[in-house]
Amino acid sequence: KNTVKRKFGPMVDTLQKECVNKRRRANLSDHAVNVFKAWFRQHFSNPYPTEDEKAELARQAQVSEAQVSNWFVNVRKRYWKPHAAGDSPKA
């Protein structure tokens, strides 16, 4: 046990410090999610916002365009199927 601690102790300490310093992921605000869901429902047959639409959604939701893109990638992957475009939205 002592040999392992002497050999790997400094590495464990470094990893623990790195884990403490990492930021935790924060969820989007309810307002942002509502803005995105409204757009998604209105465009369910083709839920791919243009760059201009992403910029406007980001402004309305007060988030970055990267967050807008990621939200739409995730919601399409989880809830949208191209063959089901005529169906009602689940998000």
PDB file of N, CA and C in Angstrom:
ATOM      1  N   LYS A   1       0.831  -1.198   0.000  1.00  0.00           N
ATOM      2  CA  LYS A   1       0.000   0.000   0.000  1.00  0.00           C
ATOM      3  C   LYS A   1       0.872   1.256   0.000  1.00  0.00           C
ATOM      4  N   ASN A   2       1.888   1.273   0.845  1.00  0.00           N
ATOM      5  CA  ASN A   2       2.766   2.443   0.921  1.00  0.00           C
ATOM      6  C   ASN A   2       3.563   2.636  -0.356  1.00  0.00           C
ATOM      7  N   THR A   3       3.959   1.530  -0.978  1.00  0.00           N
ATOM      8  CA  THR A   3       4.711   1.625  -2.232  1.00  0.00           C
ATOM      9  C   THR A   3       3.837   2.237  -3.313  1.00  0.00           C
ATOM     10  N   VAL A   4       2.591   1.786  -3.379  1.00  0.00           N
ATOM     11  CA  VAL A   4       1.663   2.324  -4.376  1.00  0.00           C
ATOM     12  C   VAL A   4       1.427   3.797  -4.113  1.00  0.00           C
ATOM     13  N   LYS A   5       1.241   4.151  -2.846  1.00  0.00           N
ATOM     14  CA  LYS A   5       0.983   5.547  -2.486  1.00  0.00           C
ATOM     15  C   LYS A   5       2.182   6.431  -2.855  1.00  0.00           C
ATOM     16  N   ARG A   6       3.383   5.959  -2.575  1.00  0.00           N
ATOM     17  CA  ARG A   6       4.582   6.739  -2.925  1.00  0.00           C
ATOM     18  C   ARG A   6       4.729   6.884  -4.428  1.00  0.00           C
ATOM     19  N   LYS A   7       4.418   5.808  -5.151  1.00  0.00           N
ATOM     20  CA  LYS A   7       4.618   5.816  -6.601  1.00  0.00           C
ATOM     21  C   LYS A   7       3.552   6.644  -7.318  1.00  0.00           C
ATOM     22  N   PHE A   8       2.300   6.499  -6.913  1.00  0.00           N
ATOM     23  CA  PHE A   8       1.196   7.128  -7.644  1.00  0.00           C
ATOM     24  C   PHE A   8       0.553   8.304  -6.903  1.00  0.00           C
ATOM     25  N   GLY A   9       0.943   8.552  -5.672  1.00  0.00           N
ATOM     26  CA  GLY A   9       0.345   9.627  -4.873  1.00  0.00           C
ATOM     27  C   GLY A   9       0.325  10.982  -5.566  1.00  0.00           C
ATOM     28  N   PRO A  10       1.461  11.434  -6.105  1.00  0.00           N
ATOM     29  CA  PRO A  10       1.461  12.746  -6.770  1.00  0.00           C
ATOM     30  C   PRO A  10       0.519  12.806  -7.975  1.00  0.00           C
ATOM     31  N   MET A  11       0.405  11.707  -8.715  1.00  0.00           N
ATOM     32  CA  MET A  11      -0.494  11.680  -9.876  1.00  0.00           C
ATOM     33  C   MET A  11      -1.953  11.749  -9.428  1.00  0.00           C
ATOM     34  N   VAL A  12      -2.270  11.048  -8.357  1.00  0.00           N
ATOM     35  CA  VAL A  12      -3.633  11.071  -7.837  1.00  0.00           C
ATOM     36  C   VAL A  12      -3.980  12.480  -7.373  1.00  0.00           C
ATOM     37  N   ASP A  13      -3.069  13.124  -6.684  1.00  0.00           N
ATOM     38  CA  ASP A  13      -3.298  14.501  -6.228  1.00  0.00           C
ATOM     39  C   ASP A  13      -3.552  15.437  -7.399  1.00  0.00           C
ATOM     40  N   THR A  14      -2.763  15.290  -8.453  1.00  0.00           N
ATOM     41  CA  THR A  14      -2.926  16.126  -9.639  1.00  0.00           C
ATOM     42  C   THR A  14      -4.287  15.899 -10.276  1.00  0.00           C
ATOM     43  N   LEU A  15      -4.690  14.642 -10.419  1.00  0.00           N
ATOM     44  CA  LEU A  15      -5.993  14.336 -11.011  1.00  0.00           C
ATOM     45  C   LEU A  15      -7.141  14.872 -10.155  1.00  0.00           C
ATOM     46  N   GLN A  16      -7.015  14.766  -8.837  1.00  0.00           N
ATOM     47  CA  GLN A  16      -8.062  15.285  -7.958  1.00  0.00           C
ATOM     48  C   GLN A  16      -8.199  16.796  -8.119  1.00  0.00           C
ATOM     49  N   LYS A  17      -7.084  17.493  -8.205  1.00  0.00           N
ATOM     50  CA  LYS A  17      -7.122  18.953  -8.385  1.00  0.00           C
ATOM     51  C   LYS A  17      -7.747  19.320  -9.722  1.00  0.00           C
ATOM     52  N   GLU A  18      -7.427  18.569 -10.777  1.00  0.00           N
ATOM     53  CA  GLU A  18      -8.014  18.833 -12.094  1.00  0.00           C
ATOM     54  C   GLU A  18      -9.524  18.644 -12.068  1.00  0.00           C
ATOM     55  N   CYS A  19      -9.981  17.608 -11.394  1.00  0.00           N
ATOM     56  CA  CYS A  19     -11.422  17.346 -11.310  1.00  0.00           C
ATOM     57  C   CYS A  19     -12.140  18.456 -10.557  1.00  0.00           C
ATOM     58  N   VAL A  20     -11.540  18.962  -9.514  1.00  0.00           N
ATOM     59  CA  VAL A  20     -12.143  20.039  -8.727  1.00  0.00           C
ATOM     60  C   VAL A  20     -12.223  21.321  -9.555  1.00  0.00           C
ATOM     61  N   ASN A  21     -11.229  21.571 -10.388  1.00  0.00           N
ATOM     62  CA  ASN A  21     -11.172  22.803 -11.163  1.00  0.00           C
ATOM     63  C   ASN A  21     -12.073  22.800 -12.394  1.00  0.00           C
ATOM     64  N   LYS A  22     -12.552  21.626 -12.816  1.00  0.00           N
ATOM     65  CA  LYS A  22     -13.399  21.569 -14.015  1.00  0.00           C
ATOM     66  C   LYS A  22     -14.763  22.159 -13.724  1.00  0.00           C
ATOM     67  N   ARG A  23     -15.300  22.842 -14.711  1.00  0.00           N
ATOM     68  CA  ARG A  23     -16.634  23.418 -14.572  1.00  0.00           C
ATOM     69  C   ARG A  23     -17.684  22.330 -14.705  1.00  0.00           C
ATOM     70  N   ARG A  24     -18.740  22.482 -13.959  1.00  0.00           N
ATOM     71  CA  ARG A  24     -19.878  21.571 -14.099  1.00  0.00           C
ATOM     72  C   ARG A  24     -20.763  22.090 -15.213  1.00  0.00           C
ATOM     73  N   ARG A  25     -21.407  21.178 -15.900  1.00  0.00           N
ATOM     74  CA  ARG A  25     -22.315  21.535 -16.975  1.00  0.00           C
ATOM     75  C   ARG A  25     -23.572  22.148 -16.368  1.00  0.00           C
ATOM     76  N   ALA A  26     -24.011  23.255 -16.945  1.00  0.00           N
ATOM     77  CA  ALA A  26     -25.239  23.906 -16.490  1.00  0.00           C
ATOM     78  C   ALA A  26     -26.334  23.681 -17.531  1.00  0.00           C
ATOM     79  N   ASN A  27     -27.539  23.446 -17.067  1.00  0.00           N
ATOM     80  CA  ASN A  27     -28.658  23.282 -17.982  1.00  0.00           C
ATOM     81  C   ASN A  27     -29.054  24.634 -18.552  1.00  0.00           C
ATOM     82  N   LEU A  28     -29.678  24.601 -19.726  1.00  0.00           N
ATOM     83  CA  LEU A  28     -30.215  25.829 -20.308  1.00  0.00           C
ATOM     84  C   LEU A  28     -31.381  26.308 -19.454  1.00  0.00           C
ATOM     85  N   SER A  29     -31.625  27.583 -19.491  1.00  0.00           N
ATOM     86  CA  SER A  29     -32.748  28.140 -18.738  1.00  0.00           C
ATOM     87  C   SER A  29     -34.070  27.646 -19.328  1.00  0.00           C
ATOM     88  N   ASP A  30     -35.115  27.694 -18.521  1.00  0.00           N
ATOM     89  CA  ASP A  30     -36.452  27.315 -19.010  1.00  0.00           C
ATOM     90  C   ASP A  30     -36.857  28.200 -20.178  1.00  0.00           C
ATOM     91  N   HIS A  31     -36.498  29.482 -20.089  1.00  0.00           N
ATOM     92  CA  HIS A  31     -36.837  30.414 -21.169  1.00  0.00           C
ATOM     93  C   HIS A  31     -36.189  29.968 -22.480  1.00  0.00           C
ATOM     94  N   ALA A  32     -34.903  29.623 -22.430  1.00  0.00           N
ATOM     95  CA  ALA A  32     -34.188  29.198 -23.639  1.00  0.00           C
ATOM     96  C   ALA A  32     -34.827  27.938 -24.219  1.00  0.00           C
ATOM     97  N   VAL A  33     -35.120  26.972 -23.380  1.00  0.00           N
ATOM     98  CA  VAL A  33     -35.731  25.724 -23.849  1.00  0.00           C
ATOM     99  C   VAL A  33     -37.089  26.001 -24.479  1.00  0.00           C
ATOM    100  N   ASN A  34     -37.866  26.883 -23.882  1.00  0.00           N
ATOM    101  CA  ASN A  34     -39.186  27.214 -24.444  1.00  0.00           C
ATOM    102  C   ASN A  34     -39.061  27.874 -25.811  1.00  0.00           C
ATOM    103  N   VAL A  35     -38.075  28.758 -25.973  1.00  0.00           N
ATOM    104  CA  VAL A  35     -37.835  29.405 -27.270  1.00  0.00           C
ATOM    105  C   VAL A  35     -37.494  28.348 -28.316  1.00  0.00           C
ATOM    106  N   PHE A  36     -36.591  27.429 -27.970  1.00  0.00           N
ATOM    107  CA  PHE A  36     -36.165  26.400 -28.916  1.00  0.00           C
ATOM    108  C   PHE A  36     -37.299  25.431 -29.247  1.00  0.00           C
ATOM    109  N   LYS A  37     -38.068  25.028 -28.228  1.00  0.00           N
ATOM    110  CA  LYS A  37     -39.180  24.101 -28.466  1.00  0.00           C
ATOM    111  C   LYS A  37     -40.232  24.722 -29.378  1.00  0.00           C
ATOM    112  N   ALA A  38     -40.513  26.004 -29.180  1.00  0.00           N
ATOM    113  CA  ALA A  38     -41.509  26.675 -30.030  1.00  0.00           C
ATOM    114  C   ALA A  38     -41.047  26.656 -31.488  1.00  0.00           C
ATOM    115  N   TRP A  39     -39.780  26.980 -31.717  1.00  0.00           N
ATOM    116  CA  TRP A  39     -39.246  26.969 -33.084  1.00  0.00           C
ATOM    117  C   TRP A  39     -39.293  25.545 -33.645  1.00  0.00           C
ATOM    118  N   PHE A  40     -38.896  24.564 -32.839  1.00  0.00           N
ATOM    119  CA  PHE A  40     -38.875  23.163 -33.272  1.00  0.00           C
ATOM    120  C   PHE A  40     -40.267  22.706 -33.686  1.00  0.00           C
ATOM    121  N   ARG A  41     -41.265  23.044 -32.901  1.00  0.00           N
ATOM    122  CA  ARG A  41     -42.643  22.633 -33.222  1.00  0.00           C
ATOM    123  C   ARG A  41     -43.137  23.295 -34.514  1.00  0.00           C
ATOM    124  N   GLN A  42     -42.790  24.560 -34.704  1.00  0.00           N
ATOM    125  CA  GLN A  42     -43.223  25.269 -35.911  1.00  0.00           C
ATOM    126  C   GLN A  42     -42.534  24.744 -37.162  1.00  0.00           C
ATOM    127  N   HIS A  43     -41.363  24.166 -37.016  1.00  0.00           N
ATOM    128  CA  HIS A  43     -40.565  23.706 -38.159  1.00  0.00           C
ATOM    129  C   HIS A  43     -40.312  22.203 -38.086  1.00  0.00           C
ATOM    130  N   PHE A  44     -41.284  21.464 -37.555  1.00  0.00           N
ATOM    131  CA  PHE A  44     -41.088  20.042 -37.288  1.00  0.00           C
ATOM    132  C   PHE A  44     -40.751  19.237 -38.544  1.00  0.00           C
ATOM    133  N   SER A  45     -41.297  19.639 -39.684  1.00  0.00           N
ATOM    134  CA  SER A  45     -41.018  18.885 -40.909  1.00  0.00           C
ATOM    135  C   SER A  45     -39.587  19.103 -41.415  1.00  0.00           C
ATOM    136  N   ASN A  46     -38.943  20.193 -40.988  1.00  0.00           N
ATOM    137  CA  ASN A  46     -37.553  20.471 -41.368  1.00  0.00           C
ATOM    138  C   ASN A  46     -36.886  21.266 -40.241  1.00  0.00           C
ATOM    139  N   PRO A  47     -36.531  20.586 -39.140  1.00  0.00           N
ATOM    140  CA  PRO A  47     -36.015  21.291 -37.963  1.00  0.00           C
ATOM    141  C   PRO A  47     -34.524  21.623 -38.031  1.00  0.00           C
ATOM    142  N   TYR A  48     -34.147  22.319 -39.085  1.00  0.00           N
ATOM    143  CA  TYR A  48     -32.753  22.727 -39.281  1.00  0.00           C
ATOM    144  C   TYR A  48     -32.703  24.247 -39.427  1.00  0.00           C
ATOM    145  N   PRO A  49     -32.504  24.967 -38.327  1.00  0.00           N
ATOM    146  CA  PRO A  49     -32.459  26.433 -38.432  1.00  0.00           C
ATOM    147  C   PRO A  49     -31.261  26.896 -39.266  1.00  0.00           C
ATOM    148  N   THR A  50     -31.484  27.950 -40.042  1.00  0.00           N
ATOM    149  CA  THR A  50     -30.391  28.544 -40.818  1.00  0.00           C
ATOM    150  C   THR A  50     -29.452  29.268 -39.856  1.00  0.00           C
ATOM    151  N   GLU A  51     -28.329  29.715 -40.372  1.00  0.00           N
ATOM    152  CA  GLU A  51     -27.387  30.471 -39.532  1.00  0.00           C
ATOM    153  C   GLU A  51     -28.048  31.732 -38.979  1.00  0.00           C
ATOM    154  N   ASP A  52     -28.835  32.412 -39.816  1.00  0.00           N
ATOM    155  CA  ASP A  52     -29.543  33.613 -39.352  1.00  0.00           C
ATOM    156  C   ASP A  52     -30.565  33.267 -38.271  1.00  0.00           C
ATOM    157  N   GLU A  53     -31.273  32.170 -38.467  1.00  0.00           N
ATOM    158  CA  GLU A  53     -32.255  31.741 -37.463  1.00  0.00           C
ATOM    159  C   GLU A  53     -31.568  31.349 -36.156  1.00  0.00           C
ATOM    160  N   LYS A  54     -30.421  30.685 -36.259  1.00  0.00           N
ATOM    161  CA  LYS A  54     -29.662  30.334 -35.048  1.00  0.00           C
ATOM    162  C   LYS A  54     -29.233  31.588 -34.292  1.00  0.00           C
ATOM    163  N   ALA A  55     -28.786  32.585 -35.041  1.00  0.00           N
ATOM    164  CA  ALA A  55     -28.366  33.835 -34.405  1.00  0.00           C
ATOM    165  C   ALA A  55     -29.544  34.498 -33.690  1.00  0.00           C
ATOM    166  N   GLU A  56     -30.706  34.486 -34.328  1.00  0.00           N
ATOM    167  CA  GLU A  56     -31.898  35.078 -33.720  1.00  0.00           C
ATOM    168  C   GLU A  56     -32.353  34.269 -32.507  1.00  0.00           C
ATOM    169  N   LEU A  57     -32.341  32.957 -32.614  1.00  0.00           N
ATOM    170  CA  LEU A  57     -32.702  32.114 -31.472  1.00  0.00           C
ATOM    171  C   LEU A  57     -31.738  32.330 -30.302  1.00  0.00           C
ATOM    172  N   ALA A  58     -30.462  32.443 -30.604  1.00  0.00           N
ATOM    173  CA  ALA A  58     -29.463  32.692 -29.559  1.00  0.00           C
ATOM    174  C   ALA A  58     -29.722  34.035 -28.876  1.00  0.00           C
ATOM    175  N   ARG A  59     -30.066  35.041 -29.671  1.00  0.00           N
ATOM    176  CA  ARG A  59     -30.356  36.358 -29.107  1.00  0.00           C
ATOM    177  C   ARG A  59     -31.597  36.300 -28.216  1.00  0.00           C
ATOM    178  N   GLN A  60     -32.648  35.660 -28.703  1.00  0.00           N
ATOM    179  CA  GLN A  60     -33.888  35.557 -27.931  1.00  0.00           C
ATOM    180  C   GLN A  60     -33.686  34.782 -26.633  1.00  0.00           C
ATOM    181  N   ALA A  61     -32.919  33.701 -26.713  1.00  0.00           N
ATOM    182  CA  ALA A  61     -32.730  32.827 -25.557  1.00  0.00           C
ATOM    183  C   ALA A  61     -31.576  33.263 -24.655  1.00  0.00           C
ATOM    184  N   GLN A  62     -30.796  34.226 -25.132  1.00  0.00           N
ATOM    185  CA  GLN A  62     -29.636  34.740 -24.400  1.00  0.00           C
ATOM    186  C   GLN A  62     -28.606  33.637 -24.115  1.00  0.00           C
ATOM    187  N   VAL A  63     -28.303  32.882 -25.186  1.00  0.00           N
ATOM    188  CA  VAL A  63     -27.275  31.835 -25.128  1.00  0.00           C
ATOM    189  C   VAL A  63     -26.385  31.971 -26.358  1.00  0.00           C
ATOM    190  N   SER A  64     -25.351  31.163 -26.452  1.00  0.00           N
ATOM    191  CA  SER A  64     -24.462  31.214 -27.612  1.00  0.00           C
ATOM    192  C   SER A  64     -25.060  30.440 -28.787  1.00  0.00           C
ATOM    193  N   GLU A  65     -24.584  30.752 -29.976  1.00  0.00           N
ATOM    194  CA  GLU A  65     -25.047  30.016 -31.159  1.00  0.00           C
ATOM    195  C   GLU A  65     -24.630  28.549 -31.075  1.00  0.00           C
ATOM    196  N   ALA A  66     -23.498  28.265 -30.449  1.00  0.00           N
ATOM    197  CA  ALA A  66     -23.063  26.875 -30.276  1.00  0.00           C
ATOM    198  C   ALA A  66     -24.073  26.106 -29.419  1.00  0.00           C
ATOM    199  N   GLN A  67     -24.609  26.766 -28.387  1.00  0.00           N
ATOM    200  CA  GLN A  67     -25.616  26.112 -27.550  1.00  0.00           C
ATOM    201  C   GLN A  67     -26.893  25.842 -28.337  1.00  0.00           C
ATOM    202  N   VAL A  68     -27.260  26.772 -29.210  1.00  0.00           N
ATOM    203  CA  VAL A  68     -28.437  26.579 -30.065  1.00  0.00           C
ATOM    204  C   VAL A  68     -28.198  25.361 -30.963  1.00  0.00           C
ATOM    205  N   SER A  69     -27.067  25.325 -31.620  1.00  0.00           N
ATOM    206  CA  SER A  69     -26.748  24.209 -32.518  1.00  0.00           C
ATOM    207  C   SER A  69     -26.767  22.884 -31.776  1.00  0.00           C
ATOM    208  N   ASN A  70     -26.133  22.858 -30.613  1.00  0.00           N
ATOM    209  CA  ASN A  70     -26.082  21.613 -29.841  1.00  0.00           C
ATOM    210  C   ASN A  70     -27.465  21.167 -29.404  1.00  0.00           C
ATOM    211  N   TRP A  71     -28.311  22.104 -28.990  1.00  0.00           N
ATOM    212  CA  TRP A  71     -29.663  21.747 -28.565  1.00  0.00           C
ATOM    213  C   TRP A  71     -30.422  21.101 -29.722  1.00  0.00           C
ATOM    214  N   PHE A  72     -30.326  21.691 -30.917  1.00  0.00           N
ATOM    215  CA  PHE A  72     -31.053  21.142 -32.062  1.00  0.00           C
ATOM    216  C   PHE A  72     -30.482  19.805 -32.513  1.00  0.00           C
ATOM    217  N   VAL A  73     -29.180  19.635 -32.455  1.00  0.00           N
ATOM    218  CA  VAL A  73     -28.583  18.333 -32.779  1.00  0.00           C
ATOM    219  C   VAL A  73     -29.147  17.277 -31.827  1.00  0.00           C
ATOM    220  N   ASN A  74     -29.158  17.594 -30.542  1.00  0.00           N
ATOM    221  CA  ASN A  74     -29.630  16.626 -29.547  1.00  0.00           C
ATOM    222  C   ASN A  74     -31.113  16.331 -29.686  1.00  0.00           C
ATOM    223  N   VAL A  75     -31.937  17.353 -29.887  1.00  0.00           N
ATOM    224  CA  VAL A  75     -33.381  17.117 -29.953  1.00  0.00           C
ATOM    225  C   VAL A  75     -33.755  16.351 -31.224  1.00  0.00           C
ATOM    226  N   ARG A  76     -33.063  16.621 -32.327  1.00  0.00           N
ATOM    227  CA  ARG A  76     -33.332  15.848 -33.547  1.00  0.00           C
ATOM    228  C   ARG A  76     -32.949  14.386 -33.333  1.00  0.00           C
ATOM    229  N   LYS A  77     -31.819  14.168 -32.685  1.00  0.00           N
ATOM    230  CA  LYS A  77     -31.350  12.808 -32.445  1.00  0.00           C
ATOM    231  C   LYS A  77     -32.305  12.054 -31.516  1.00  0.00           C
ATOM    232  N   ARG A  78     -32.820  12.731 -30.506  1.00  0.00           N
ATOM    233  CA  ARG A  78     -33.660  12.067 -29.503  1.00  0.00           C
ATOM    234  C   ARG A  78     -35.118  11.929 -29.910  1.00  0.00           C
ATOM    235  N   TYR A  79     -35.665  12.944 -30.585  1.00  0.00           N
ATOM    236  CA  TYR A  79     -37.115  12.999 -30.769  1.00  0.00           C
ATOM    237  C   TYR A  79     -37.611  13.054 -32.202  1.00  0.00           C
ATOM    238  N   TRP A  80     -36.743  13.347 -33.149  1.00  0.00           N
ATOM    239  CA  TRP A  80     -37.209  13.593 -34.506  1.00  0.00           C
ATOM    240  C   TRP A  80     -36.704  12.499 -35.422  1.00  0.00           C
ATOM    241  N   LYS A  81     -37.616  11.969 -36.230  1.00  0.00           N
ATOM    242  CA  LYS A  81     -37.246  10.994 -37.247  1.00  0.00           C
ATOM    243  C   LYS A  81     -37.701  11.547 -38.593  1.00  0.00           C
ATOM    244  N   PRO A  82     -36.820  11.565 -39.597  1.00  0.00           N
ATOM    245  CA  PRO A  82     -37.192  12.131 -40.895  1.00  0.00           C
ATOM    246  C   PRO A  82     -38.461  11.530 -41.473  1.00  0.00           C
ATOM    247  N   HIS A  83     -38.665  10.233 -41.321  1.00  0.00           N
ATOM    248  CA  HIS A  83     -39.870   9.600 -41.867  1.00  0.00           C
ATOM    249  C   HIS A  83     -41.120   9.964 -41.066  1.00  0.00           C
ATOM    250  N   ALA A  84     -40.922  10.481 -39.859  1.00  0.00           N
ATOM    251  CA  ALA A  84     -42.051  10.830 -38.998  1.00  0.00           C
ATOM    252  C   ALA A  84     -42.343  12.326 -39.037  1.00  0.00           C
ATOM    253  N   ALA A  85     -41.854  13.007 -40.044  1.00  0.00           N
ATOM    254  CA  ALA A  85     -42.007  14.468 -40.093  1.00  0.00           C
ATOM    255  C   ALA A  85     -43.464  14.896 -40.114  1.00  0.00           C
ATOM    256  N   GLY A  86     -44.355  14.054 -40.567  1.00  0.00           N
ATOM    257  CA  GLY A  86     -45.778  14.380 -40.570  1.00  0.00           C
ATOM    258  C   GLY A  86     -46.414  14.172 -39.215  1.00  0.00           C
ATOM    259  N   ASP A  87     -45.722  13.463 -38.319  1.00  0.00           N
ATOM    260  CA  ASP A  87     -46.249  13.201 -36.992  1.00  0.00           C
ATOM    261  C   ASP A  87     -46.158  14.461 -36.134  1.00  0.00           C
ATOM    262  N   SER A  88     -46.765  14.397 -34.974  1.00  0.00           N
ATOM    263  CA  SER A  88     -46.699  15.544 -34.076  1.00  0.00           C
ATOM    264  C   SER A  88     -45.370  15.520 -33.306  1.00  0.00           C
ATOM    265  N   PRO A  89     -44.866  16.676 -32.938  1.00  0.00           N
ATOM    266  CA  PRO A  89     -43.588  16.743 -32.223  1.00  0.00           C
ATOM    267  C   PRO A  89     -43.713  16.190 -30.813  1.00  0.00           C
ATOM    268  N   LYS A  90     -42.619  15.604 -30.332  1.00  0.00           N
ATOM    269  CA  LYS A  90     -42.587  15.042 -28.992  1.00  0.00           C
ATOM    270  C   LYS A  90     -41.849  15.959 -28.031  1.00  0.00           C
ATOM    271  N   ALA A  91     -41.079  16.900 -28.534  1.00  0.00           N
ATOM    272  CA  ALA A  91     -40.302  17.791 -27.666  1.00  0.00           C
ATOM    273  C   ALA A  91     -41.122  18.949 -27.183  1.00  0.00           C
TER     274      ALA A  91
END
